PDB file of N, CA and C in Angstrom:
ATOM      1  N   MET A   1     -25.538-146.892 178.041  1.00  0.00           N
ATOM      2  CA  MET A   1     -25.981-145.690 177.326  1.00  0.00           C
ATOM      3  C   MET A   1     -25.260-145.377 176.104  1.00  0.00           C
ATOM      4  N   LYS A   2     -23.948-145.211 176.634  1.00  0.00           N
ATOM      5  CA  LYS A   2     -23.341-144.517 175.294  1.00  0.00           C
ATOM      6  C   LYS A   2     -23.023-145.445 174.096  1.00  0.00           C
ATOM      7  N   LYS A   3     -22.935-146.788 174.439  1.00  0.00           N
ATOM      8  CA  LYS A   3     -22.688-147.679 173.606  1.00  0.00           C
ATOM      9  C   LYS A   3     -24.279-147.638 172.496  1.00  0.00           C
ATOM     10  N   SER A   4     -25.277-147.889 173.266  1.00  0.00           N
ATOM     11  CA  SER A   4     -26.412-147.273 172.456  1.00  0.00           C
ATOM     12  C   SER A   4     -26.775-146.182 171.086  1.00  0.00           C
ATOM     13  N   THR A   5     -25.875-145.156 172.039  1.00  0.00           N
ATOM     14  CA  THR A   5     -25.852-143.925 171.409  1.00  0.00           C
ATOM     15  C   THR A   5     -25.007-144.505 169.921  1.00  0.00           C
ATOM     16  N   ALA A   6     -23.876-144.932 170.436  1.00  0.00           N
ATOM     17  CA  ALA A   6     -22.850-144.813 169.352  1.00  0.00           C
ATOM     18  C   ALA A   6     -23.577-145.716 168.339  1.00  0.00           C
ATOM     19  N   ILE A   7     -24.100-146.515 168.425  1.00  0.00           N
ATOM     20  CA  ILE A   7     -24.694-147.512 167.428  1.00  0.00           C
ATOM     21  C   ILE A   7     -25.664-147.081 166.676  1.00  0.00           C
ATOM     22  N   PHE A   8     -26.672-146.153 167.616  1.00  0.00           N
ATOM     23  CA  PHE A   8     -27.512-145.412 166.413  1.00  0.00           C
ATOM     24  C   PHE A   8     -26.954-144.360 165.466  1.00  0.00           C
ATOM     25  N   ALA A   9     -26.065-143.810 166.087  1.00  0.00           N
ATOM     26  CA  ALA A   9     -25.129-142.871 165.091  1.00  0.00           C
ATOM     27  C   ALA A   9     -24.579-143.279 164.014  1.00  0.00           C
ATOM     28  N   MET A  10     -24.442-144.676 163.990  1.00  0.00           N
ATOM     29  CA  MET A  10     -23.634-145.262 163.362  1.00  0.00           C
ATOM     30  C   MET A  10     -24.494-145.974 162.300  1.00  0.00           C
ATOM     31  N   ALA A  11     -25.757-146.469 162.706  1.00  0.00           N
ATOM     32  CA  ALA A  11     -26.720-146.716 162.016  1.00  0.00           C
ATOM     33  C   ALA A  11     -27.310-145.388 160.943  1.00  0.00           C
ATOM     34  N   ILE A  12     -27.348-144.262 161.435  1.00  0.00           N
ATOM     35  CA  ILE A  12     -27.787-143.085 160.891  1.00  0.00           C
ATOM     36  C   ILE A  12     -26.739-143.036 159.679  1.00  0.00           C
ATOM     37  N   ALA A  13     -25.602-142.849 160.262  1.00  0.00           N
ATOM     38  CA  ALA A  13     -24.318-142.632 159.199  1.00  0.00           C
ATOM     39  C   ALA A  13     -24.250-143.511 157.910  1.00  0.00           C
ATOM     40  N   ALA A  14     -24.652-144.603 157.975  1.00  0.00           N
ATOM     41  CA  ALA A  14     -24.694-145.656 156.868  1.00  0.00           C
ATOM     42  C   ALA A  14     -25.609-145.698 156.203  1.00  0.00           C
ATOM     43  N   LEU A  15     -27.152-145.185 156.736  1.00  0.00           N
ATOM     44  CA  LEU A  15     -28.148-145.034 156.064  1.00  0.00           C
ATOM     45  C   LEU A  15     -27.641-143.643 154.795  1.00  0.00           C
ATOM     46  N   TRP A  16     -27.333-142.496 155.480  1.00  0.00           N
ATOM     47  CA  TRP A  16     -27.194-141.241 154.861  1.00  0.00           C
ATOM     48  C   TRP A  16     -26.115-141.555 153.960  1.00  0.00           C
ATOM     49  N   ALA A  17     -24.927-142.491 154.234  1.00  0.00           N
ATOM     50  CA  ALA A  17     -24.053-142.803 152.938  1.00  0.00           C
ATOM     51  C   ALA A  17     -24.600-143.826 151.674  1.00  0.00           C
ATOM     52  N   GLN A  18     -25.696-144.522 152.171  1.00  0.00           N
ATOM     53  CA  GLN A  18     -26.141-145.156 150.978  1.00  0.00           C
ATOM     54  C   GLN A  18     -27.137-144.437 150.086  1.00  0.00           C
ATOM     55  N   GLY A  19     -27.704-143.344 150.724  1.00  0.00           N
ATOM     56  CA  GLY A  19     -29.013-142.399 149.851  1.00  0.00           C
ATOM     57  C   GLY A  19     -27.723-141.351 149.365  1.00  0.00           C
ATOM     58  N   ALA A  20     -26.751-141.235 149.436  1.00  0.00           N
ATOM     59  CA  ALA A  20     -25.962-140.500 148.862  1.00  0.00           C
ATOM     60  C   ALA A  20     -25.269-140.557 147.670  1.00  0.00           C
ATOM     61  N   ASP A  21     -25.534-141.692 147.036  1.00  0.00           N
ATOM     62  CA  ASP A  21     -25.243-142.091 145.902  1.00  0.00           C
ATOM     63  C   ASP A  21     -26.215-141.639 144.614  1.00  0.00           C
ATOM     64  N   ALA A  22     -27.443-141.613 145.148  1.00  0.00           N
ATOM     65  CA  ALA A  22     -28.588-141.393 144.060  1.00  0.00           C
ATOM     66  C   ALA A  22     -28.885-139.932 143.845  1.00  0.00           C
ATOM     67  N   ASP A  23     -28.719-139.378 142.829  1.00  0.00           N
ATOM     68  CA  ASP A  23     -29.012-138.022 142.305  1.00  0.00           C
ATOM     69  C   ASP A  23     -30.306-137.903 142.649  1.00  0.00           C
ATOM     70  N   SER A  24     -30.801-136.555 142.849  1.00  0.00           N
ATOM     71  CA  SER A  24     -32.281-136.084 142.713  1.00  0.00           C
ATOM     72  C   SER A  24     -32.635-134.541 142.809  1.00  0.00           C
ATOM     73  N   PHE A  25     -33.699-134.544 142.360  1.00  0.00           N
ATOM     74  CA  PHE A  25     -33.815-133.039 142.095  1.00  0.00           C
ATOM     75  C   PHE A  25     -34.963-132.668 142.365  1.00  0.00           C
ATOM     76  N   ARG A  26     -35.224-131.287 143.276  1.00  0.00           N
ATOM     77  CA  ARG A  26     -36.679-131.252 143.698  1.00  0.00           C
ATOM     78  C   ARG A  26     -37.309-129.960 142.935  1.00  0.00           C
ATOM     79  N   CYS A  27     -38.597-130.008 142.311  1.00  0.00           N
ATOM     80  CA  CYS A  27     -39.061-129.220 141.646  1.00  0.00           C
ATOM     81  C   CYS A  27     -40.468-128.752 142.374  1.00  0.00           C
ATOM     82  N   GLY A  28     -40.283-127.553 142.966  1.00  0.00           N
ATOM     83  CA  GLY A  28     -41.454-127.448 144.029  1.00  0.00           C
ATOM     84  C   GLY A  28     -41.341-128.522 145.162  1.00  0.00           C
ATOM     85  N   THR A  29     -42.515-128.917 145.165  1.00  0.00           N
ATOM     86  CA  THR A  29     -42.878-130.358 146.427  1.00  0.00           C
ATOM     87  C   THR A  29     -42.386-131.780 145.511  1.00  0.00           C
ATOM     88  N   ARG A  30     -42.190-131.604 144.179  1.00  0.00           N
ATOM     89  CA  ARG A  30     -42.057-132.758 143.589  1.00  0.00           C
ATOM     90  C   ARG A  30     -40.789-133.329 143.517  1.00  0.00           C
ATOM     91  N   LEU A  31     -40.619-134.661 143.520  1.00  0.00           N
ATOM     92  CA  LEU A  31     -38.979-134.911 143.274  1.00  0.00           C
ATOM     93  C   LEU A  31     -38.846-135.914 142.297  1.00  0.00           C
ATOM     94  N   VAL A  32     -37.504-135.565 141.330  1.00  0.00           N
ATOM     95  CA  VAL A  32     -37.095-136.541 140.554  1.00  0.00           C
ATOM     96  C   VAL A  32     -35.998-137.102 140.472  1.00  0.00           C
ATOM     97  N   SER A  33     -35.550-138.496 140.563  1.00  0.00           N
ATOM     98  CA  SER A  33     -34.357-139.053 140.598  1.00  0.00           C
ATOM     99  C   SER A  33     -33.709-139.800 139.420  1.00  0.00           C
ATOM    100  N   ASP A  34     -32.434-140.362 139.755  1.00  0.00           N
ATOM    101  CA  ASP A  34     -32.230-141.405 138.751  1.00  0.00           C
ATOM    102  C   ASP A  34     -32.913-142.148 138.005  1.00  0.00           C
ATOM    103  N   GLY A  35     -33.149-142.130 136.652  1.00  0.00           N
ATOM    104  CA  GLY A  35     -33.808-143.413 136.410  1.00  0.00           C
ATOM    105  C   GLY A  35     -35.254-143.057 135.871  1.00  0.00           C
ATOM    106  N   ASP A  36     -35.661-141.527 136.256  1.00  0.00           N
ATOM    107  CA  ASP A  36     -36.717-141.278 135.483  1.00  0.00           C
ATOM    108  C   ASP A  36     -36.633-140.851 134.229  1.00  0.00           C
ATOM    109  N   SER A  37     -37.971-140.924 133.345  1.00  0.00           N
ATOM    110  CA  SER A  37     -37.380-140.725 131.772  1.00  0.00           C
ATOM    111  C   SER A  37     -37.900-138.954 131.609  1.00  0.00           C
ATOM    112  N   THR A  38     -37.460-138.682 130.676  1.00  0.00           N
ATOM    113  CA  THR A  38     -37.488-137.341 130.255  1.00  0.00           C
ATOM    114  C   THR A  38     -39.146-136.524 129.958  1.00  0.00           C
ATOM    115  N   ASP A  39     -40.106-137.721 129.911  1.00  0.00           N
ATOM    116  CA  ASP A  39     -41.529-137.173 129.974  1.00  0.00           C
ATOM    117  C   ASP A  39     -42.059-137.012 131.457  1.00  0.00           C
ATOM    118  N   LYS A  40     -41.462-138.023 132.218  1.00  0.00           N
ATOM    119  CA  LYS A  40     -42.080-137.882 133.579  1.00  0.00           C
ATOM    120  C   LYS A  40     -41.277-136.501 134.387  1.00  0.00           C
ATOM    121  N   VAL A  41     -40.191-135.918 133.737  1.00  0.00           N
ATOM    122  CA  VAL A  41     -39.242-134.666 134.438  1.00  0.00           C
ATOM    123  C   VAL A  41     -40.529-133.990 134.023  1.00  0.00           C
ATOM    124  N   ALA A  42     -40.307-133.719 132.663  1.00  0.00           N
ATOM    125  CA  ALA A  42     -41.068-132.534 132.041  1.00  0.00           C
ATOM    126  C   ALA A  42     -42.126-132.491 132.686  1.00  0.00           C
ATOM    127  N   ALA A  43     -43.093-133.408 132.785  1.00  0.00           N
ATOM    128  CA  ALA A  43     -44.293-133.010 133.507  1.00  0.00           C
ATOM    129  C   ALA A  43     -44.435-132.783 134.964  1.00  0.00           C
ATOM    130  N   LEU A  44     -43.110-133.077 135.516  1.00  0.00           N
ATOM    131  CA  LEU A  44     -43.344-132.843 136.984  1.00  0.00           C
ATOM    132  C   LEU A  44     -42.627-131.236 137.265  1.00  0.00           C
ATOM    133  N   CYS A  45     -41.575-131.185 136.457  1.00  0.00           N
ATOM    134  CA  CYS A  45     -40.925-129.704 136.718  1.00  0.00           C
ATOM    135  C   CYS A  45     -41.131-128.620 135.621  1.00  0.00           C
ATOM    136  N   GLY A  46     -41.808-128.943 134.409  1.00  0.00           N
ATOM    137  CA  GLY A  46     -41.903-127.871 133.322  1.00  0.00           C
ATOM    138  C   GLY A  46     -40.845-128.196 132.571  1.00  0.00           C
ATOM    139  N   PRO A  47     -40.857-127.244 131.473  1.00  0.00           N
ATOM    140  CA  PRO A  47     -39.838-127.718 130.649  1.00  0.00           C
ATOM    141  C   PRO A  47     -38.218-126.537 131.042  1.00  0.00           C
ATOM    142  N   PRO A  48     -37.573-127.220 130.705  1.00  0.00           N
ATOM    143  CA  PRO A  48     -36.179-126.246 131.393  1.00  0.00           C
ATOM    144  C   PRO A  48     -35.963-125.474 130.278  1.00  0.00           C
ATOM    145  N   SER A  49     -35.035-124.514 130.986  1.00  0.00           N
ATOM    146  CA  SER A  49     -34.454-123.092 130.681  1.00  0.00           C
ATOM    147  C   SER A  49     -33.735-123.296 129.161  1.00  0.00           C
ATOM    148  N   SER A  50     -32.973-124.671 129.212  1.00  0.00           N
ATOM    149  CA  SER A  50     -32.280-124.723 127.902  1.00  0.00           C
ATOM    150  C   SER A  50     -32.080-126.579 127.707  1.00  0.00           C
ATOM    151  N   VAL A  51     -31.956-126.777 126.475  1.00  0.00           N
ATOM    152  CA  VAL A  51     -31.733-128.332 126.543  1.00  0.00           C
ATOM    153  C   VAL A  51     -30.541-128.463 125.419  1.00  0.00           C
ATOM    154  N   GLN A  52     -29.608-129.001 125.574  1.00  0.00           N
ATOM    155  CA  GLN A  52     -28.402-129.344 124.441  1.00  0.00           C
ATOM    156  C   GLN A  52     -28.529-131.131 124.270  1.00  0.00           C
ATOM    157  N   HIS A  53     -28.252-131.248 122.937  1.00  0.00           N
ATOM    158  CA  HIS A  53     -28.322-132.569 122.600  1.00  0.00           C
ATOM    159  C   HIS A  53     -27.030-132.857 122.102  1.00  0.00           C
ATOM    160  N   ARG A  54     -26.715-133.965 122.347  1.00  0.00           N
ATOM    161  CA  ARG A  54     -25.199-134.843 122.008  1.00  0.00           C
ATOM    162  C   ARG A  54     -25.690-136.237 121.644  1.00  0.00           C
ATOM    163  N   GLU A  55     -24.360-137.006 121.148  1.00  0.00           N
ATOM    164  CA  GLU A  55     -24.588-138.334 120.979  1.00  0.00           C
ATOM    165  C   GLU A  55     -23.063-138.831 121.142  1.00  0.00           C
ATOM    166  N   VAL A  56     -23.323-139.980 122.300  1.00  0.00           N
ATOM    167  CA  VAL A  56     -21.807-140.859 122.197  1.00  0.00           C
ATOM    168  C   VAL A  56     -21.918-142.041 121.412  1.00  0.00           C
ATOM    169  N   LEU A  57     -20.822-142.448 120.984  1.00  0.00           N
ATOM    170  CA  LEU A  57     -20.766-144.150 120.524  1.00  0.00           C
ATOM    171  C   LEU A  57     -20.431-144.643 121.927  1.00  0.00           C
ATOM    172  N   GLN A  58     -21.089-146.078 122.273  1.00  0.00           N
ATOM    173  CA  GLN A  58     -21.193-146.909 123.368  1.00  0.00           C
ATOM    174  C   GLN A  58     -20.923-148.133 122.986  1.00  0.00           C
ATOM    175  N   ARG A  59     -20.410-149.036 123.020  1.00  0.00           N
ATOM    176  CA  ARG A  59     -20.848-150.278 122.902  1.00  0.00           C
ATOM    177  C   ARG A  59     -22.013-150.967 123.760  1.00  0.00           C
ATOM    178  N   PRO A  60     -23.044-151.631 123.180  1.00  0.00           N
ATOM    179  CA  PRO A  60     -24.159-152.477 123.553  1.00  0.00           C
ATOM    180  C   PRO A  60     -24.099-153.124 124.945  1.00  0.00           C
ATOM    181  N   ILE A  61     -24.495-152.645 126.104  1.00  0.00           N
ATOM    182  CA  ILE A  61     -24.141-153.552 127.177  1.00  0.00           C
ATOM    183  C   ILE A  61     -25.849-153.928 127.386  1.00  0.00           C
ATOM    184  N   SER A  62     -25.790-155.517 127.944  1.00  0.00           N
ATOM    185  CA  SER A  62     -27.068-156.301 128.682  1.00  0.00           C
ATOM    186  C   SER A  62     -26.447-156.655 130.120  1.00  0.00           C
ATOM    187  N   TRP A  63     -27.274-156.579 131.133  1.00  0.00           N
ATOM    188  CA  TRP A  63     -27.186-156.815 132.466  1.00  0.00           C
ATOM    189  C   TRP A  63     -27.735-158.103 132.664  1.00  0.00           C
ATOM    190  N   TYR A  64     -26.692-158.720 133.283  1.00  0.00           N
ATOM    191  CA  TYR A  64     -27.247-159.995 133.742  1.00  0.00           C
ATOM    192  C   TYR A  64     -26.327-160.278 135.543  1.00  0.00           C
ATOM    193  N   SER A  65     -27.620-160.554 136.561  1.00  0.00           N
ATOM    194  CA  SER A  65     -27.255-160.746 137.830  1.00  0.00           C
ATOM    195  C   SER A  65     -26.315-159.481 138.156  1.00  0.00           C
ATOM    196  N   GLY A  66     -26.733-158.160 137.969  1.00  0.00           N
ATOM    197  CA  GLY A  66     -26.024-157.195 138.400  1.00  0.00           C
ATOM    198  C   GLY A  66     -24.576-157.128 138.158  1.00  0.00           C
ATOM    199  N   ARG A  67     -24.559-157.763 136.573  1.00  0.00           N
ATOM    200  CA  ARG A  67     -23.098-157.708 135.791  1.00  0.00           C
ATOM    201  C   ARG A  67     -23.039-157.063 134.675  1.00  0.00           C
ATOM    202  N   PRO A  68     -22.509-156.272 134.043  1.00  0.00           N
ATOM    203  CA  PRO A  68     -22.686-155.888 132.226  1.00  0.00           C
ATOM    204  C   PRO A  68     -21.950-156.934 131.773  1.00  0.00           C
ATOM    205  N   TYR A  69     -22.308-157.231 130.895  1.00  0.00           N
ATOM    206  CA  TYR A  69     -22.078-157.940 129.686  1.00  0.00           C
ATOM    207  C   TYR A  69     -21.998-157.164 128.408  1.00  0.00           C
ATOM    208  N   TYR A  70     -21.016-156.998 127.660  1.00  0.00           N
ATOM    209  CA  TYR A  70     -20.888-156.588 126.206  1.00  0.00           C
ATOM    210  C   TYR A  70     -21.466-157.466 124.984  1.00  0.00           C
ATOM    211  N   THR A  71     -22.758-156.750 124.559  1.00  0.00           N
ATOM    212  CA  THR A  71     -23.184-157.577 123.587  1.00  0.00           C
ATOM    213  C   THR A  71     -22.655-157.580 121.837  1.00  0.00           C
ATOM    214  N   SER A  72     -21.515-156.884 121.835  1.00  0.00           N
ATOM    215  CA  SER A  72     -21.253-156.516 120.275  1.00  0.00           C
ATOM    216  C   SER A  72     -19.912-155.736 120.658  1.00  0.00           C
ATOM    217  N   TYR A  73     -19.123-155.794 119.762  1.00  0.00           N
ATOM    218  CA  TYR A  73     -17.679-154.902 119.476  1.00  0.00           C
ATOM    219  C   TYR A  73     -18.054-153.507 118.987  1.00  0.00           C
ATOM    220  N   GLU A  74     -19.320-153.584 118.234  1.00  0.00           N
ATOM    221  CA  GLU A  74     -19.550-152.465 117.326  1.00  0.00           C
ATOM    222  C   GLU A  74     -19.987-151.360 118.275  1.00  0.00           C
ATOM    223  N   PRO A  75     -19.826-149.945 118.454  1.00  0.00           N
ATOM    224  CA  PRO A  75     -20.100-149.237 119.174  1.00  0.00           C
ATOM    225  C   PRO A  75     -21.514-148.575 118.528  1.00  0.00           C
ATOM    226  N   VAL A  76     -22.748-148.179 119.158  1.00  0.00           N
ATOM    227  CA  VAL A  76     -23.929-147.870 118.849  1.00  0.00           C
ATOM    228  C   VAL A  76     -24.005-146.300 119.274  1.00  0.00           C
ATOM    229  N   PRO A  77     -24.892-145.451 118.449  1.00  0.00           N
ATOM    230  CA  PRO A  77     -24.765-144.335 118.956  1.00  0.00           C
ATOM    231  C   PRO A  77     -26.231-143.990 120.179  1.00  0.00           C
ATOM    232  N   ILE A  78     -25.729-143.240 121.033  1.00  0.00           N
ATOM    233  CA  ILE A  78     -26.551-143.232 122.458  1.00  0.00           C
ATOM    234  C   ILE A  78     -26.791-141.792 122.510  1.00  0.00           C
ATOM    235  N   PRO A  79     -28.111-140.872 122.667  1.00  0.00           N
ATOM    236  CA  PRO A  79     -28.629-139.753 122.461  1.00  0.00           C
ATOM    237  C   PRO A  79     -28.481-139.426 123.992  1.00  0.00           C
ATOM    238  N   ILE A  80     -27.810-138.260 124.289  1.00  0.00           N
ATOM    239  CA  ILE A  80     -27.714-137.174 125.488  1.00  0.00           C
ATOM    240  C   ILE A  80     -28.075-136.238 125.037  1.00  0.00           C
ATOM    241  N   GLU A  81     -28.827-135.735 126.277  1.00  0.00           N
ATOM    242  CA  GLU A  81     -29.596-134.326 126.787  1.00  0.00           C
ATOM    243  C   GLU A  81     -29.124-133.729 128.060  1.00  0.00           C
ATOM    244  N   TYR A  82     -28.839-132.494 128.061  1.00  0.00           N
ATOM    245  CA  TYR A  82     -28.666-131.875 129.103  1.00  0.00           C
ATOM    246  C   TYR A  82     -29.617-130.792 129.068  1.00  0.00           C
ATOM    247  N   TRP A  83     -30.379-130.810 130.315  1.00  0.00           N
ATOM    248  CA  TRP A  83     -31.409-129.967 130.884  1.00  0.00           C
ATOM    249  C   TRP A  83     -31.005-128.954 131.845  1.00  0.00           C
ATOM    250  N   VAL A  84     -31.033-127.717 131.506  1.00  0.00           N
ATOM    251  CA  VAL A  84     -30.840-126.725 132.791  1.00  0.00           C
ATOM    252  C   VAL A  84     -32.268-126.141 133.250  1.00  0.00           C
ATOM    253  N   TYR A  85     -32.099-126.185 134.352  1.00  0.00           N
ATOM    254  CA  TYR A  85     -33.363-125.595 135.242  1.00  0.00           C
ATOM    255  C   TYR A  85     -33.137-124.262 135.823  1.00  0.00           C
ATOM    256  N   ASN A  86     -32.945-123.425 135.724  1.00  0.00           N
ATOM    257  CA  ASN A  86     -32.848-121.817 136.190  1.00  0.00           C
ATOM    258  C   ASN A  86     -33.852-121.477 136.905  1.00  0.00           C
ATOM    259  N   LEU A  87     -33.407-121.666 138.299  1.00  0.00           N
ATOM    260  CA  LEU A  87     -34.477-121.250 139.417  1.00  0.00           C
ATOM    261  C   LEU A  87     -34.707-120.235 139.963  1.00  0.00           C
ATOM    262  N   GLY A  88     -33.725-119.065 139.229  1.00  0.00           N
ATOM    263  CA  GLY A  88     -34.001-117.607 139.648  1.00  0.00           C
ATOM    264  C   GLY A  88     -32.717-117.524 140.639  1.00  0.00           C
ATOM    265  N   PRO A  89     -32.544-115.740 140.401  1.00  0.00           N
ATOM    266  CA  PRO A  89     -31.171-115.743 141.235  1.00  0.00           C
ATOM    267  C   PRO A  89     -30.840-116.125 142.945  1.00  0.00           C
ATOM    268  N   ASN A  90     -31.759-116.135 143.458  1.00  0.00           N
ATOM    269  CA  ASN A  90     -31.872-116.847 144.738  1.00  0.00           C
ATOM    270  C   ASN A  90     -31.573-118.331 144.872  1.00  0.00           C
ATOM    271  N   LYS A  91     -31.540-118.787 143.866  1.00  0.00           N
ATOM    272  CA  LYS A  91     -31.136-120.659 144.125  1.00  0.00           C
ATOM    273  C   LYS A  91     -30.396-120.536 143.020  1.00  0.00           C
ATOM    274  N   LEU A  92     -29.649-122.051 143.196  1.00  0.00           N
ATOM    275  CA  LEU A  92     -28.710-122.860 142.259  1.00  0.00           C
ATOM    276  C   LEU A  92     -29.515-123.500 141.027  1.00  0.00           C
ATOM    277  N   MET A  93     -28.841-123.134 140.084  1.00  0.00           N
ATOM    278  CA  MET A  93     -29.285-123.628 138.823  1.00  0.00           C
ATOM    279  C   MET A  93     -28.877-125.509 138.861  1.00  0.00           C
ATOM    280  N   ARG A  94     -29.623-126.164 138.405  1.00  0.00           N
ATOM    281  CA  ARG A  94     -29.504-127.602 138.260  1.00  0.00           C
ATOM    282  C   ARG A  94     -29.255-127.918 136.698  1.00  0.00           C
ATOM    283  N   ARG A  95     -28.363-129.177 136.298  1.00  0.00           N
ATOM    284  CA  ARG A  95     -28.260-129.437 134.869  1.00  0.00           C
ATOM    285  C   ARG A  95     -28.541-131.072 134.983  1.00  0.00           C
ATOM    286  N   LEU A  96     -29.778-131.503 134.451  1.00  0.00           N
ATOM    287  CA  LEU A  96     -29.968-132.656 134.468  1.00  0.00           C
ATOM    288  C   LEU A  96     -29.640-133.811 133.045  1.00  0.00           C
ATOM    289  N   LYS A  97     -28.753-134.484 133.427  1.00  0.00           N
ATOM    290  CA  LYS A  97     -28.141-135.499 132.268  1.00  0.00           C
ATOM    291  C   LYS A  97     -29.251-136.651 131.926  1.00  0.00           C
ATOM    292  N   PHE A  98     -29.574-136.745 130.658  1.00  0.00           N
ATOM    293  CA  PHE A  98     -30.297-137.854 130.264  1.00  0.00           C
ATOM    294  C   PHE A  98     -29.476-138.834 129.328  1.00  0.00           C
ATOM    295  N   GLU A  99     -29.742-139.973 129.536  1.00  0.00           N
ATOM    296  CA  GLU A  99     -28.846-140.925 128.708  1.00  0.00           C
ATOM    297  C   GLU A  99     -30.240-141.914 128.188  1.00  0.00           C
ATOM    298  N   ASP A 100     -30.064-141.717 126.628  1.00  0.00           N
ATOM    299  CA  ASP A 100     -31.337-142.602 126.083  1.00  0.00           C
ATOM    300  C   ASP A 100     -32.905-142.271 126.584  1.00  0.00           C
ATOM    301  N   GLY A 101     -32.917-141.371 127.135  1.00  0.00           N
ATOM    302  CA  GLY A 101     -34.211-140.614 127.861  1.00  0.00           C
ATOM    303  C   GLY A 101     -34.118-141.286 129.403  1.00  0.00           C
ATOM    304  N   LEU A 102     -33.332-141.425 129.884  1.00  0.00           N
ATOM    305  CA  LEU A 102     -33.180-141.736 131.350  1.00  0.00           C
ATOM    306  C   LEU A 102     -32.577-141.039 132.057  1.00  0.00           C
ATOM    307  N   LEU A 103     -32.801-140.024 133.155  1.00  0.00           N
ATOM    308  CA  LEU A 103     -32.048-139.447 133.682  1.00  0.00           C
ATOM    309  C   LEU A 103     -31.050-139.952 134.598  1.00  0.00           C
ATOM    310  N   VAL A 104     -29.564-139.331 134.759  1.00  0.00           N
ATOM    311  CA  VAL A 104     -28.511-140.572 135.125  1.00  0.00           C
ATOM    312  C   VAL A 104     -27.495-139.316 135.862  1.00  0.00           C
ATOM    313  N   ASP A 105     -27.901-138.098 135.800  1.00  0.00           N
ATOM    314  CA  ASP A 105     -27.015-137.342 136.744  1.00  0.00           C
ATOM    315  C   ASP A 105     -27.351-136.307 137.222  1.00  0.00           C
ATOM    316  N   VAL A 106     -27.451-135.243 137.891  1.00  0.00           N
ATOM    317  CA  VAL A 106     -28.256-134.285 138.333  1.00  0.00           C
ATOM    318  C   VAL A 106     -26.631-133.260 138.863  1.00  0.00           C
ATOM    319  N   GLU A 107     -26.464-132.158 138.378  1.00  0.00           N
ATOM    320  CA  GLU A 107     -25.679-131.531 138.798  1.00  0.00           C
ATOM    321  C   GLU A 107     -26.138-130.399 139.102  1.00  0.00           C
ATOM    322  N   THR A 108     -25.276-129.406 140.216  1.00  0.00           N
ATOM    323  CA  THR A 108     -25.891-128.319 141.141  1.00  0.00           C
ATOM    324  C   THR A 108     -24.782-127.418 140.231  1.00  0.00           C
ATOM    325  N   LEU A 109     -25.070-126.129 139.475  1.00  0.00           N
ATOM    326  CA  LEU A 109     -24.537-125.224 138.979  1.00  0.00           C
ATOM    327  C   LEU A 109     -24.690-123.987 140.142  1.00  0.00           C
ATOM    328  N   SER A 110     -23.845-122.857 139.186  1.00  0.00           N
ATOM    329  CA  SER A 110     -24.307-121.450 140.255  1.00  0.00           C
ATOM    330  C   SER A 110     -25.429-121.105 140.554  1.00  0.00           C
ATOM    331  N   HIS A 111     -25.576-119.856 140.863  1.00  0.00           N
ATOM    332  CA  HIS A 111     -26.867-119.138 141.197  1.00  0.00           C
ATOM    333  C   HIS A 111     -27.501-118.612 139.921  1.00  0.00           C
ATOM    334  N   GLY A 112     -28.783-119.086 139.706  1.00  0.00           N
ATOM    335  CA  GLY A 112     -29.544-118.535 138.465  1.00  0.00           C
ATOM    336  C   GLY A 112     -29.450-117.186 138.030  1.00  0.00           C
ATOM    337  N   TYR A 113     -30.588-116.621 137.212  1.00  0.00           N
ATOM    338  CA  TYR A 113     -30.435-115.167 136.860  1.00  0.00           C
ATOM    339  C   TYR A 113     -31.814-115.216 136.467  1.00  0.00           C
ATOM    340  N   TYR A 114     -32.022-113.626 135.994  1.00  0.00           N
ATOM    341  CA  TYR A 114     -33.424-112.956 135.849  1.00  0.00           C
ATOM    342  C   TYR A 114     -33.384-113.463 134.471  1.00  0.00           C
ATOM    343  N   THR A 115     -34.661-113.967 134.085  1.00  0.00           N
ATOM    344  CA  THR A 115     -34.817-113.779 132.400  1.00  0.00           C
ATOM    345  C   THR A 115     -36.035-112.631 132.003  1.00  0.00           C
ATOM    346  N   GLU A 116     -36.154-112.814 131.109  1.00  0.00           N
ATOM    347  CA  GLU A 116     -36.993-111.679 130.409  1.00  0.00           C
ATOM    348  C   GLU A 116     -38.507-111.935 130.962  1.00  0.00           C
ATOM    349  N   ARG A 117     -38.673-113.411 131.147  1.00  0.00           N
ATOM    350  CA  ARG A 117     -40.403-113.963 131.459  1.00  0.00           C
ATOM    351  C   ARG A 117     -40.081-113.386 133.106  1.00  0.00           C
ATOM    352  N   ASP A 118     -39.443-113.049 134.120  1.00  0.00           N
ATOM    353  CA  ASP A 118     -39.164-112.833 135.265  1.00  0.00           C
ATOM    354  C   ASP A 118     -39.869-111.188 135.406  1.00  0.00           C
ATOM    355  N   ASP A 119     -39.425-110.625 134.618  1.00  0.00           N
ATOM    356  CA  ASP A 119     -39.939-108.945 134.815  1.00  0.00           C
ATOM    357  C   ASP A 119     -41.378-109.233 134.901  1.00  0.00           C
TER     358      ASP A 119
END
């Protein structure tokens, strides 16, 4: 009996560890996660509280059989957007990072705050 319980606990821990790599953000009852486009996130979560635009230079990469291959030595500009969702003073804010229009990271910030629209 103890052996089966230990195996079950190890299986649950392995599944939990695999899911920990993916970033996600819950908007009410909807869930957005890595790889979602800016259009999909805006449709599911509404407009963000703030948006920052940046651009970084990166060498172009092509993926083949799970491995990255650089296609050029010349860096190309990649648009980066940071969206912040202020969920109010009782919840934590979220910052979503989009690279080239796709969600790549979700960061949890401090508690939100009241806005003029909340009054």
